[in-house]
């Protein structure tokens, strides 16, 4: 079953088109990683998928119960925390706010 679909996504910054015509599907139980050069639009895409940034074109469709989360860049504010601690804190936040069931 499809958990997330993106169809013909477009994002512009001024006269610069970051991407256009971006289309993909993520199926239940897929494992997805975003890899690319700095400035290519990885974080922008994630923010569009979560609704934090508006789409300049296209459509994002999430299946009922689908939760999209990502770990912000440079979020570690406590030098005593490991990266694993930071990732686990995202799950704790989502569980606390009922965003998914553990």
PDB file of N, CA and C in Angstrom:
ATOM      1  N   UNK A   1       0.838  -1.181   0.000  1.00  0.00           N
ATOM      2  CA  UNK A   1       0.000   0.000   0.000  1.00  0.00           C
ATOM      3  C   UNK A   1       0.889   1.253   0.000  1.00  0.00           C
ATOM      4  N   UNK A   2       0.456   2.288  -0.673  1.00  0.00           N
ATOM      5  CA  UNK A   2       1.218   3.525  -0.764  1.00  0.00           C
ATOM      6  C   UNK A   2       1.021   4.358   0.500  1.00  0.00           C
ATOM      7  N   UNK A   3       2.125   4.719   1.152  1.00  0.00           N
ATOM      8  CA  UNK A   3       2.080   5.543   2.355  1.00  0.00           C
ATOM      9  C   UNK A   3       2.175   7.025   2.009  1.00  0.00           C
ATOM     10  N   UNK A   4       2.933   7.338   0.954  1.00  0.00           N
ATOM     11  CA  UNK A   4       3.176   8.722   0.572  1.00  0.00           C
ATOM     12  C   UNK A   4       3.376   8.801  -0.932  1.00  0.00           C
ATOM     13  N   UNK A   5       2.728   9.771  -1.558  1.00  0.00           N
ATOM     14  CA  UNK A   5       2.914  10.021  -2.991  1.00  0.00           C
ATOM     15  C   UNK A   5       3.197  11.493  -3.215  1.00  0.00           C
ATOM     16  N   UNK A   6       4.127  11.762  -4.082  1.00  0.00           N
ATOM     17  CA  UNK A   6       4.419  13.129  -4.516  1.00  0.00           C
ATOM     18  C   UNK A   6       4.307  13.146  -6.030  1.00  0.00           C
ATOM     19  N   UNK A   7       3.598  14.146  -6.543  1.00  0.00           N
ATOM     20  CA  UNK A   7       3.347  14.219  -7.988  1.00  0.00           C
ATOM     21  C   UNK A   7       3.728  15.595  -8.505  1.00  0.00           C
ATOM     22  N   UNK A   8       4.706  15.623  -9.396  1.00  0.00           N
ATOM     23  CA  UNK A   8       5.112  16.850 -10.102  1.00  0.00           C
ATOM     24  C   UNK A   8       5.434  18.011  -9.166  1.00  0.00           C
ATOM     25  N   UNK A   9       6.161  17.725  -8.071  1.00  0.00           N
ATOM     26  CA  UNK A   9       6.521  18.794  -7.132  1.00  0.00           C
ATOM     27  C   UNK A   9       7.474  19.791  -7.772  1.00  0.00           C
ATOM     28  N   UNK A  10       7.246  21.053  -7.457  1.00  0.00           N
ATOM     29  CA  UNK A  10       8.098  22.140  -7.933  1.00  0.00           C
ATOM     30  C   UNK A  10       8.390  23.059  -6.760  1.00  0.00           C
ATOM     31  N   UNK A  11       9.645  23.514  -6.678  1.00  0.00           N
ATOM     32  CA  UNK A  11      10.010  24.517  -5.675  1.00  0.00           C
ATOM     33  C   UNK A  11      10.983  25.499  -6.310  1.00  0.00           C
ATOM     34  N   UNK A  12      10.630  26.773  -6.186  1.00  0.00           N
ATOM     35  CA  UNK A  12      11.463  27.854  -6.704  1.00  0.00           C
ATOM     36  C   UNK A  12      11.900  28.754  -5.561  1.00  0.00           C
ATOM     37  N   UNK A  13      13.067  29.308  -5.684  1.00  0.00           N
ATOM     38  CA  UNK A  13      13.545  30.359  -4.794  1.00  0.00           C
ATOM     39  C   UNK A  13      13.924  31.527  -5.691  1.00  0.00           C
ATOM     40  N   UNK A  14      13.043  32.515  -5.742  1.00  0.00           N
ATOM     41  CA  UNK A  14      13.254  33.610  -6.677  1.00  0.00           C
ATOM     42  C   UNK A  14      13.191  33.069  -8.091  1.00  0.00           C
ATOM     43  N   UNK A  15      14.198  33.374  -8.873  1.00  0.00           N
ATOM     44  CA  UNK A  15      14.243  32.890 -10.254  1.00  0.00           C
ATOM     45  C   UNK A  15      14.899  31.523 -10.384  1.00  0.00           C
ATOM     46  N   UNK A  16      15.420  30.999  -9.278  1.00  0.00           N
ATOM     47  CA  UNK A  16      16.092  29.695  -9.291  1.00  0.00           C
ATOM     48  C   UNK A  16      15.079  28.587  -9.031  1.00  0.00           C
ATOM     49  N   UNK A  17      15.006  27.630  -9.939  1.00  0.00           N
ATOM     50  CA  UNK A  17      14.168  26.450  -9.745  1.00  0.00           C
ATOM     51  C   UNK A  17      15.026  25.391  -9.071  1.00  0.00           C
ATOM     52  N   UNK A  18      14.644  25.050  -7.841  1.00  0.00           N
ATOM     53  CA  UNK A  18      15.397  24.041  -7.090  1.00  0.00           C
ATOM     54  C   UNK A  18      15.121  22.654  -7.665  1.00  0.00           C
ATOM     55  N   UNK A  19      13.845  22.359  -7.907  1.00  0.00           N
ATOM     56  CA  UNK A  19      13.470  21.137  -8.606  1.00  0.00           C
ATOM     57  C   UNK A  19      12.081  21.316  -9.197  1.00  0.00           C
ATOM     58  N   UNK A  20      11.791  20.533 -10.218  1.00  0.00           N
ATOM     59  CA  UNK A  20      10.462  20.551 -10.842  1.00  0.00           C
ATOM     60  C   UNK A  20      10.167  19.170 -11.402  1.00  0.00           C
ATOM     61  N   UNK A  21       8.882  18.838 -11.454  1.00  0.00           N
ATOM     62  CA  UNK A  21       8.474  17.548 -11.996  1.00  0.00           C
ATOM     63  C   UNK A  21       8.859  16.367 -11.124  1.00  0.00           C
ATOM     64  N   UNK A  22       9.136  16.607  -9.847  1.00  0.00           N
ATOM     65  CA  UNK A  22       9.566  15.540  -8.941  1.00  0.00           C
ATOM     66  C   UNK A  22       8.369  14.674  -8.565  1.00  0.00           C
ATOM     67  N   UNK A  23       8.449  13.400  -8.896  1.00  0.00           N
ATOM     68  CA  UNK A  23       7.364  12.456  -8.657  1.00  0.00           C
ATOM     69  C   UNK A  23       7.931  11.179  -8.065  1.00  0.00           C
ATOM     70  N   UNK A  24       7.299  10.693  -6.982  1.00  0.00           N
ATOM     71  CA  UNK A  24       7.722   9.429  -6.380  1.00  0.00           C
ATOM     72  C   UNK A  24       6.617   8.898  -5.484  1.00  0.00           C
ATOM     73  N   UNK A  25       6.709   7.609  -5.167  1.00  0.00           N
ATOM     74  CA  UNK A  25       5.817   6.943  -4.230  1.00  0.00           C
ATOM     75  C   UNK A  25       6.674   6.249  -3.181  1.00  0.00           C
ATOM     76  N   UNK A  26       6.203   6.249  -1.957  1.00  0.00           N
ATOM     77  CA  UNK A  26       6.825   5.496  -0.879  1.00  0.00           C
ATOM     78  C   UNK A  26       5.777   4.503  -0.391  1.00  0.00           C
ATOM     79  N   UNK A  27       6.126   3.244  -0.465  1.00  0.00           N
ATOM     80  CA  UNK A  27       5.204   2.187  -0.057  1.00  0.00           C
ATOM     81  C   UNK A  27       5.399   1.870   1.426  1.00  0.00           C
ATOM     82  N   UNK A  28       4.361   1.276   2.035  1.00  0.00           N
ATOM     83  CA  UNK A  28       4.484   0.819   3.420  1.00  0.00           C
ATOM     84  C   UNK A  28       5.744  -0.025   3.561  1.00  0.00           C
ATOM     85  N   UNK A  29       6.449   0.176   4.633  1.00  0.00           N
ATOM     86  CA  UNK A  29       7.640  -0.591   4.994  1.00  0.00           C
ATOM     87  C   UNK A  29       8.864  -0.274   4.134  1.00  0.00           C
ATOM     88  N   UNK A  30       8.770   0.707   3.224  1.00  0.00           N
ATOM     89  CA  UNK A  30       9.956   1.136   2.483  1.00  0.00           C
ATOM     90  C   UNK A  30      10.914   1.836   3.430  1.00  0.00           C
ATOM     91  N   UNK A  31      12.169   1.750   3.134  1.00  0.00           N
ATOM     92  CA  UNK A  31      13.214   2.500   3.829  1.00  0.00           C
ATOM     93  C   UNK A  31      13.756   3.493   2.809  1.00  0.00           C
ATOM     94  N   UNK A  32      13.754   4.780   3.159  1.00  0.00           N
ATOM     95  CA  UNK A  32      14.123   5.816   2.205  1.00  0.00           C
ATOM     96  C   UNK A  32      15.221   6.687   2.797  1.00  0.00           C
ATOM     97  N   UNK A  33      16.188   7.027   1.987  1.00  0.00           N
ATOM     98  CA  UNK A  33      17.237   7.962   2.378  1.00  0.00           C
ATOM     99  C   UNK A  33      17.374   9.027   1.312  1.00  0.00           C
ATOM    100  N   UNK A  34      17.606  10.260   1.742  1.00  0.00           N
ATOM    101  CA  UNK A  34      17.857  11.358   0.802  1.00  0.00           C
ATOM    102  C   UNK A  34      19.337  11.685   0.829  1.00  0.00           C
ATOM    103  N   UNK A  35      19.953  11.621  -0.325  1.00  0.00           N
ATOM    104  CA  UNK A  35      21.377  11.873  -0.440  1.00  0.00           C
ATOM    105  C   UNK A  35      21.589  12.858  -1.573  1.00  0.00           C
ATOM    106  N   UNK A  36      22.427  13.860  -1.340  1.00  0.00           N
ATOM    107  CA  UNK A  36      22.730  14.806  -2.403  1.00  0.00           C
ATOM    108  C   UNK A  36      23.666  15.898  -1.921  1.00  0.00           C
ATOM    109  N   UNK A  37      24.125  16.693  -2.858  1.00  0.00           N
ATOM    110  CA  UNK A  37      25.012  17.803  -2.550  1.00  0.00           C
ATOM    111  C   UNK A  37      24.329  18.832  -1.661  1.00  0.00           C
ATOM    112  N   UNK A  38      25.126  19.605  -0.946  1.00  0.00           N
ATOM    113  CA  UNK A  38      24.589  20.722  -0.181  1.00  0.00           C
ATOM    114  C   UNK A  38      23.850  21.665  -1.124  1.00  0.00           C
ATOM    115  N   UNK A  39      22.661  22.082  -0.692  1.00  0.00           N
ATOM    116  CA  UNK A  39      21.903  23.047  -1.477  1.00  0.00           C
ATOM    117  C   UNK A  39      21.054  22.465  -2.580  1.00  0.00           C
ATOM    118  N   UNK A  40      21.005  21.133  -2.688  1.00  0.00           N
ATOM    119  CA  UNK A  40      20.236  20.536  -3.790  1.00  0.00           C
ATOM    120  C   UNK A  40      18.745  20.426  -3.473  1.00  0.00           C
ATOM    121  N   UNK A  41      18.355  20.626  -2.184  1.00  0.00           N
ATOM    122  CA  UNK A  41      16.934  20.642  -1.858  1.00  0.00           C
ATOM    123  C   UNK A  41      16.437  19.532  -0.951  1.00  0.00           C
ATOM    124  N   UNK A  42      17.323  18.800  -0.304  1.00  0.00           N
ATOM    125  CA  UNK A  42      16.899  17.689   0.560  1.00  0.00           C
ATOM    126  C   UNK A  42      16.014  18.181   1.706  1.00  0.00           C
ATOM    127  N   UNK A  43      16.480  19.158   2.456  1.00  0.00           N
ATOM    128  CA  UNK A  43      15.711  19.681   3.590  1.00  0.00           C
ATOM    129  C   UNK A  43      14.458  20.391   3.103  1.00  0.00           C
ATOM    130  N   UNK A  44      14.560  21.117   2.017  1.00  0.00           N
ATOM    131  CA  UNK A  44      13.392  21.787   1.445  1.00  0.00           C
ATOM    132  C   UNK A  44      12.322  20.768   1.094  1.00  0.00           C
ATOM    133  N   UNK A  45      12.714  19.661   0.464  1.00  0.00           N
ATOM    134  CA  UNK A  45      11.748  18.612   0.118  1.00  0.00           C
ATOM    135  C   UNK A  45      11.080  18.066   1.374  1.00  0.00           C
ATOM    136  N   UNK A  46      11.854  17.772   2.409  1.00  0.00           N
ATOM    137  CA  UNK A  46      11.267  17.250   3.644  1.00  0.00           C
ATOM    138  C   UNK A  46      10.298  18.254   4.259  1.00  0.00           C
ATOM    139  N   UNK A  47      10.641  19.510   4.227  1.00  0.00           N
ATOM    140  CA  UNK A  47       9.753  20.539   4.773  1.00  0.00           C
ATOM    141  C   UNK A  47       8.476  20.671   3.942  1.00  0.00           C
ATOM    142  N   UNK A  48       8.571  20.444   2.659  1.00  0.00           N
ATOM    143  CA  UNK A  48       7.376  20.447   1.814  1.00  0.00           C
ATOM    144  C   UNK A  48       6.494  19.243   2.129  1.00  0.00           C
ATOM    145  N   UNK A  49       7.119  18.089   2.332  1.00  0.00           N
ATOM    146  CA  UNK A  49       6.361  16.872   2.623  1.00  0.00           C
ATOM    147  C   UNK A  49       5.640  16.952   3.960  1.00  0.00           C
ATOM    148  N   UNK A  50       6.226  17.668   4.932  1.00  0.00           N
ATOM    149  CA  UNK A  50       5.588  17.810   6.243  1.00  0.00           C
ATOM    150  C   UNK A  50       4.605  18.973   6.282  1.00  0.00           C
ATOM    151  N   UNK A  51       4.586  19.800   5.240  1.00  0.00           N
ATOM    152  CA  UNK A  51       3.687  20.950   5.210  1.00  0.00           C
ATOM    153  C   UNK A  51       4.281  22.211   5.793  1.00  0.00           C
ATOM    154  N   UNK A  52       5.543  22.168   6.196  1.00  0.00           N
ATOM    155  CA  UNK A  52       6.213  23.358   6.737  1.00  0.00           C
ATOM    156  C   UNK A  52       6.471  24.415   5.670  1.00  0.00           C
ATOM    157  N   UNK A  53       6.661  23.981   4.441  1.00  0.00           N
ATOM    158  CA  UNK A  53       6.870  24.898   3.311  1.00  0.00           C
ATOM    159  C   UNK A  53       5.776  24.656   2.276  1.00  0.00           C
ATOM    160  N   UNK A  54       5.306  25.714   1.631  1.00  0.00           N
ATOM    161  CA  UNK A  54       4.290  25.532   0.596  1.00  0.00           C
ATOM    162  C   UNK A  54       4.888  24.945  -0.676  1.00  0.00           C
ATOM    163  N   UNK A  55       4.054  24.265  -1.423  1.00  0.00           N
ATOM    164  CA  UNK A  55       4.444  23.740  -2.735  1.00  0.00           C
ATOM    165  C   UNK A  55       4.274  24.845  -3.759  1.00  0.00           C
ATOM    166  N   UNK A  56       5.208  24.974  -4.677  1.00  0.00           N
ATOM    167  CA  UNK A  56       5.038  25.903  -5.797  1.00  0.00           C
ATOM    168  C   UNK A  56       4.299  25.226  -6.942  1.00  0.00           C
ATOM    169  N   UNK A  57       4.206  23.924  -6.867  1.00  0.00           N
ATOM    170  CA  UNK A  57       3.471  23.152  -7.855  1.00  0.00           C
ATOM    171  C   UNK A  57       3.444  21.708  -7.434  1.00  0.00           C
ATOM    172  N   UNK A  58       2.443  20.999  -7.884  1.00  0.00           N
ATOM    173  CA  UNK A  58       2.341  19.582  -7.588  1.00  0.00           C
ATOM    174  C   UNK A  58       1.453  19.281  -6.403  1.00  0.00           C
ATOM    175  N   UNK A  59       1.541  18.044  -5.947  1.00  0.00           N
ATOM    176  CA  UNK A  59       0.656  17.564  -4.891  1.00  0.00           C
ATOM    177  C   UNK A  59       1.366  16.503  -4.056  1.00  0.00           C
ATOM    178  N   UNK A  60       1.122  16.532  -2.736  1.00  0.00           N
ATOM    179  CA  UNK A  60       1.608  15.505  -1.814  1.00  0.00           C
ATOM    180  C   UNK A  60       0.386  14.839  -1.203  1.00  0.00           C
ATOM    181  N   UNK A  61       0.358  13.514  -1.251  1.00  0.00           N
ATOM    182  CA  UNK A  61      -0.749  12.743  -0.684  1.00  0.00           C
ATOM    183  C   UNK A  61      -0.170  11.754   0.319  1.00  0.00           C
ATOM    184  N   UNK A  62      -0.665  11.838   1.560  1.00  0.00           N
ATOM    185  CA  UNK A  62      -0.253  10.915   2.612  1.00  0.00           C
ATOM    186  C   UNK A  62      -1.428  10.011   2.962  1.00  0.00           C
ATOM    187  N   UNK A  63      -1.143   8.726   3.108  1.00  0.00           N
ATOM    188  CA  UNK A  63      -2.175   7.788   3.548  1.00  0.00           C
ATOM    189  C   UNK A  63      -2.538   8.102   4.997  1.00  0.00           C
ATOM    190  N   UNK A  64      -3.762   7.792   5.362  1.00  0.00           N
ATOM    191  CA  UNK A  64      -4.212   8.003   6.732  1.00  0.00           C
ATOM    192  C   UNK A  64      -3.252   7.298   7.689  1.00  0.00           C
ATOM    193  N   UNK A  65      -2.819   8.005   8.716  1.00  0.00           N
ATOM    194  CA  UNK A  65      -1.921   7.445   9.711  1.00  0.00           C
ATOM    195  C   UNK A  65      -0.445   7.586   9.369  1.00  0.00           C
ATOM    196  N   UNK A  66      -0.133   8.087   8.179  1.00  0.00           N
ATOM    197  CA  UNK A  66       1.265   8.274   7.797  1.00  0.00           C
ATOM    198  C   UNK A  66       1.820   9.500   8.504  1.00  0.00           C
ATOM    199  N   UNK A  67       2.957   9.332   9.167  1.00  0.00           N
ATOM    200  CA  UNK A  67       3.631  10.426   9.866  1.00  0.00           C
ATOM    201  C   UNK A  67       4.993  10.611   9.224  1.00  0.00           C
ATOM    202  N   UNK A  68       5.314  11.848   8.891  1.00  0.00           N
ATOM    203  CA  UNK A  68       6.610  12.163   8.296  1.00  0.00           C
ATOM    204  C   UNK A  68       7.402  12.950   9.322  1.00  0.00           C
ATOM    205  N   UNK A  69       8.576  12.479   9.625  1.00  0.00           N
ATOM    206  CA  UNK A  69       9.437  13.176  10.568  1.00  0.00           C
ATOM    207  C   UNK A  69      10.856  13.190  10.060  1.00  0.00           C
ATOM    208  N   UNK A  70      11.580  14.170  10.492  1.00  0.00           N
ATOM    209  CA  UNK A  70      12.994  14.226  10.134  1.00  0.00           C
ATOM    210  C   UNK A  70      13.731  14.930  11.258  1.00  0.00           C
ATOM    211  N   UNK A  71      15.012  14.674  11.327  1.00  0.00           N
ATOM    212  CA  UNK A  71      15.848  15.288  12.339  1.00  0.00           C
ATOM    213  C   UNK A  71      16.525  16.497  11.720  1.00  0.00           C
ATOM    214  N   UNK A  72      16.272  17.662  12.311  1.00  0.00           N
ATOM    215  CA  UNK A  72      16.850  18.908  11.797  1.00  0.00           C
ATOM    216  C   UNK A  72      18.375  18.865  11.829  1.00  0.00           C
ATOM    217  N   UNK A  73      18.979  19.607  10.960  1.00  0.00           N
ATOM    218  CA  UNK A  73      20.430  19.742  10.981  1.00  0.00           C
ATOM    219  C   UNK A  73      20.829  20.543  12.212  1.00  0.00           C
ATOM    220  N   UNK A  74      21.927  20.174  12.839  1.00  0.00           N
ATOM    221  CA  UNK A  74      22.497  20.918  13.971  1.00  0.00           C
ATOM    222  C   UNK A  74      21.532  21.054  15.138  1.00  0.00           C
ATOM    223  N   UNK A  75      20.815  19.993  15.473  1.00  0.00           N
ATOM    224  CA  UNK A  75      19.855  20.073  16.569  1.00  0.00           C
ATOM    225  C   UNK A  75      20.463  19.740  17.926  1.00  0.00           C
ATOM    226  N   UNK A  76      21.604  19.099  17.943  1.00  0.00           N
ATOM    227  CA  UNK A  76      22.189  18.656  19.212  1.00  0.00           C
ATOM    228  C   UNK A  76      22.635  19.854  20.036  1.00  0.00           C
ATOM    229  N   UNK A  77      21.866  20.123  21.089  1.00  0.00           N
ATOM    230  CA  UNK A  77      22.190  21.277  21.933  1.00  0.00           C
ATOM    231  C   UNK A  77      22.943  20.862  23.187  1.00  0.00           C
ATOM    232  N   UNK A  78      23.003  19.573  23.458  1.00  0.00           N
ATOM    233  CA  UNK A  78      23.681  19.059  24.646  1.00  0.00           C
ATOM    234  C   UNK A  78      24.833  18.183  24.191  1.00  0.00           C
ATOM    235  N   UNK A  79      26.044  18.619  24.440  1.00  0.00           N
ATOM    236  CA  UNK A  79      27.229  17.881  23.987  1.00  0.00           C
ATOM    237  C   UNK A  79      27.322  16.500  24.621  1.00  0.00           C
ATOM    238  N   UNK A  80      26.610  16.290  25.727  1.00  0.00           N
ATOM    239  CA  UNK A  80      26.637  14.985  26.392  1.00  0.00           C
ATOM    240  C   UNK A  80      25.741  13.969  25.681  1.00  0.00           C
ATOM    241  N   UNK A  81      24.831  14.440  24.830  1.00  0.00           N
ATOM    242  CA  UNK A  81      23.945  13.531  24.091  1.00  0.00           C
ATOM    243  C   UNK A  81      24.653  12.970  22.873  1.00  0.00           C
ATOM    244  N   UNK A  82      24.404  11.712  22.626  1.00  0.00           N
ATOM    245  CA  UNK A  82      24.897  11.098  21.396  1.00  0.00           C
ATOM    246  C   UNK A  82      23.874  11.334  20.290  1.00  0.00           C
ATOM    247  N   UNK A  83      24.260  11.057  19.080  1.00  0.00           N
ATOM    248  CA  UNK A  83      23.324  11.153  17.958  1.00  0.00           C
ATOM    249  C   UNK A  83      22.133  10.224  18.202  1.00  0.00           C
ATOM    250  N   UNK A  84      22.400   9.040  18.726  1.00  0.00           N
ATOM    251  CA  UNK A  84      21.319   8.093  19.013  1.00  0.00           C
ATOM    252  C   UNK A  84      20.332   8.694  20.014  1.00  0.00           C
ATOM    253  N   UNK A  85      20.843   9.369  21.060  1.00  0.00           N
ATOM    254  CA  UNK A  85      19.964  10.026  22.038  1.00  0.00           C
ATOM    255  C   UNK A  85      19.053  11.034  21.354  1.00  0.00           C
ATOM    256  N   UNK A  86      19.594  11.796  20.433  1.00  0.00           N
ATOM    257  CA  UNK A  86      18.818  12.814  19.731  1.00  0.00           C
ATOM    258  C   UNK A  86      17.724  12.176  18.878  1.00  0.00           C
ATOM    259  N   UNK A  87      18.064  11.101  18.167  1.00  0.00           N
ATOM    260  CA  UNK A  87      17.073  10.423  17.343  1.00  0.00           C
ATOM    261  C   UNK A  87      15.966   9.851  18.223  1.00  0.00           C
ATOM    262  N   UNK A  88      16.325   9.239  19.340  1.00  0.00           N
ATOM    263  CA  UNK A  88      15.318   8.694  20.250  1.00  0.00           C
ATOM    264  C   UNK A  88      14.408   9.785  20.801  1.00  0.00           C
ATOM    265  N   UNK A  89      14.929  10.997  20.958  1.00  0.00           N
ATOM    266  CA  UNK A  89      14.110  12.091  21.492  1.00  0.00           C
ATOM    267  C   UNK A  89      12.970  12.443  20.530  1.00  0.00           C
ATOM    268  N   UNK A  90      13.179  12.241  19.242  1.00  0.00           N
ATOM    269  CA  UNK A  90      12.115  12.477  18.262  1.00  0.00           C
ATOM    270  C   UNK A  90      10.981  11.496  18.501  1.00  0.00           C
ATOM    271  N   UNK A  91      11.308  10.224  18.722  1.00  0.00           N
ATOM    272  CA  UNK A  91      10.282   9.222  18.995  1.00  0.00           C
ATOM    273  C   UNK A  91       9.543   9.543  20.285  1.00  0.00           C
ATOM    274  N   UNK A  92      10.262   9.977  21.312  1.00  0.00           N
ATOM    275  CA  UNK A  92       9.626  10.334  22.582  1.00  0.00           C
ATOM    276  C   UNK A  92       8.640  11.474  22.376  1.00  0.00           C
ATOM    277  N   UNK A  93       9.028  12.489  21.597  1.00  0.00           N
ATOM    278  CA  UNK A  93       8.141  13.624  21.319  1.00  0.00           C
ATOM    279  C   UNK A  93       6.871  13.152  20.609  1.00  0.00           C
ATOM    280  N   UNK A  94       7.027  12.330  19.590  1.00  0.00           N
ATOM    281  CA  UNK A  94       5.873  11.847  18.824  1.00  0.00           C
ATOM    282  C   UNK A  94       4.959  10.987  19.687  1.00  0.00           C
ATOM    283  N   UNK A  95       5.536  10.129  20.517  1.00  0.00           N
ATOM    284  CA  UNK A  95       4.709   9.318  21.416  1.00  0.00           C
ATOM    285  C   UNK A  95       3.978  10.179  22.428  1.00  0.00           C
ATOM    286  N   UNK A  96       4.645  11.176  22.968  1.00  0.00           N
ATOM    287  CA  UNK A  96       4.037  12.077  23.952  1.00  0.00           C
ATOM    288  C   UNK A  96       2.847  12.821  23.364  1.00  0.00           C
ATOM    289  N   UNK A  97       2.949  13.211  22.090  1.00  0.00           N
ATOM    290  CA  UNK A  97       1.910  13.988  21.435  1.00  0.00           C
ATOM    291  C   UNK A  97       0.929  13.142  20.617  1.00  0.00           C
ATOM    292  N   UNK A  98       1.028  11.829  20.765  1.00  0.00           N
ATOM    293  CA  UNK A  98       0.084  10.938  20.085  1.00  0.00           C
ATOM    294  C   UNK A  98       0.205  10.925  18.579  1.00  0.00           C
ATOM    295  N   UNK A  99       1.410  11.207  18.056  1.00  0.00           N
ATOM    296  CA  UNK A  99       1.574  11.252  16.610  1.00  0.00           C
ATOM    297  C   UNK A  99       1.689   9.858  16.008  1.00  0.00           C
ATOM    298  N   UNK A 100       2.044   8.868  16.810  1.00  0.00           N
ATOM    299  CA  UNK A 100       2.014   7.483  16.381  1.00  0.00           C
ATOM    300  C   UNK A 100       2.028   6.600  17.611  1.00  0.00           C
ATOM    301  N   UNK A 101       1.698   5.368  17.393  1.00  0.00           N
ATOM    302  CA  UNK A 101       1.692   4.402  18.494  1.00  0.00           C
ATOM    303  C   UNK A 101       3.005   3.663  18.495  1.00  0.00           C
ATOM    304  N   UNK A 102       3.588   3.506  19.654  1.00  0.00           N
ATOM    305  CA  UNK A 102       4.877   2.795  19.768  1.00  0.00           C
ATOM    306  C   UNK A 102       4.667   1.305  19.629  1.00  0.00           C
TER     307      UNK A 102
END
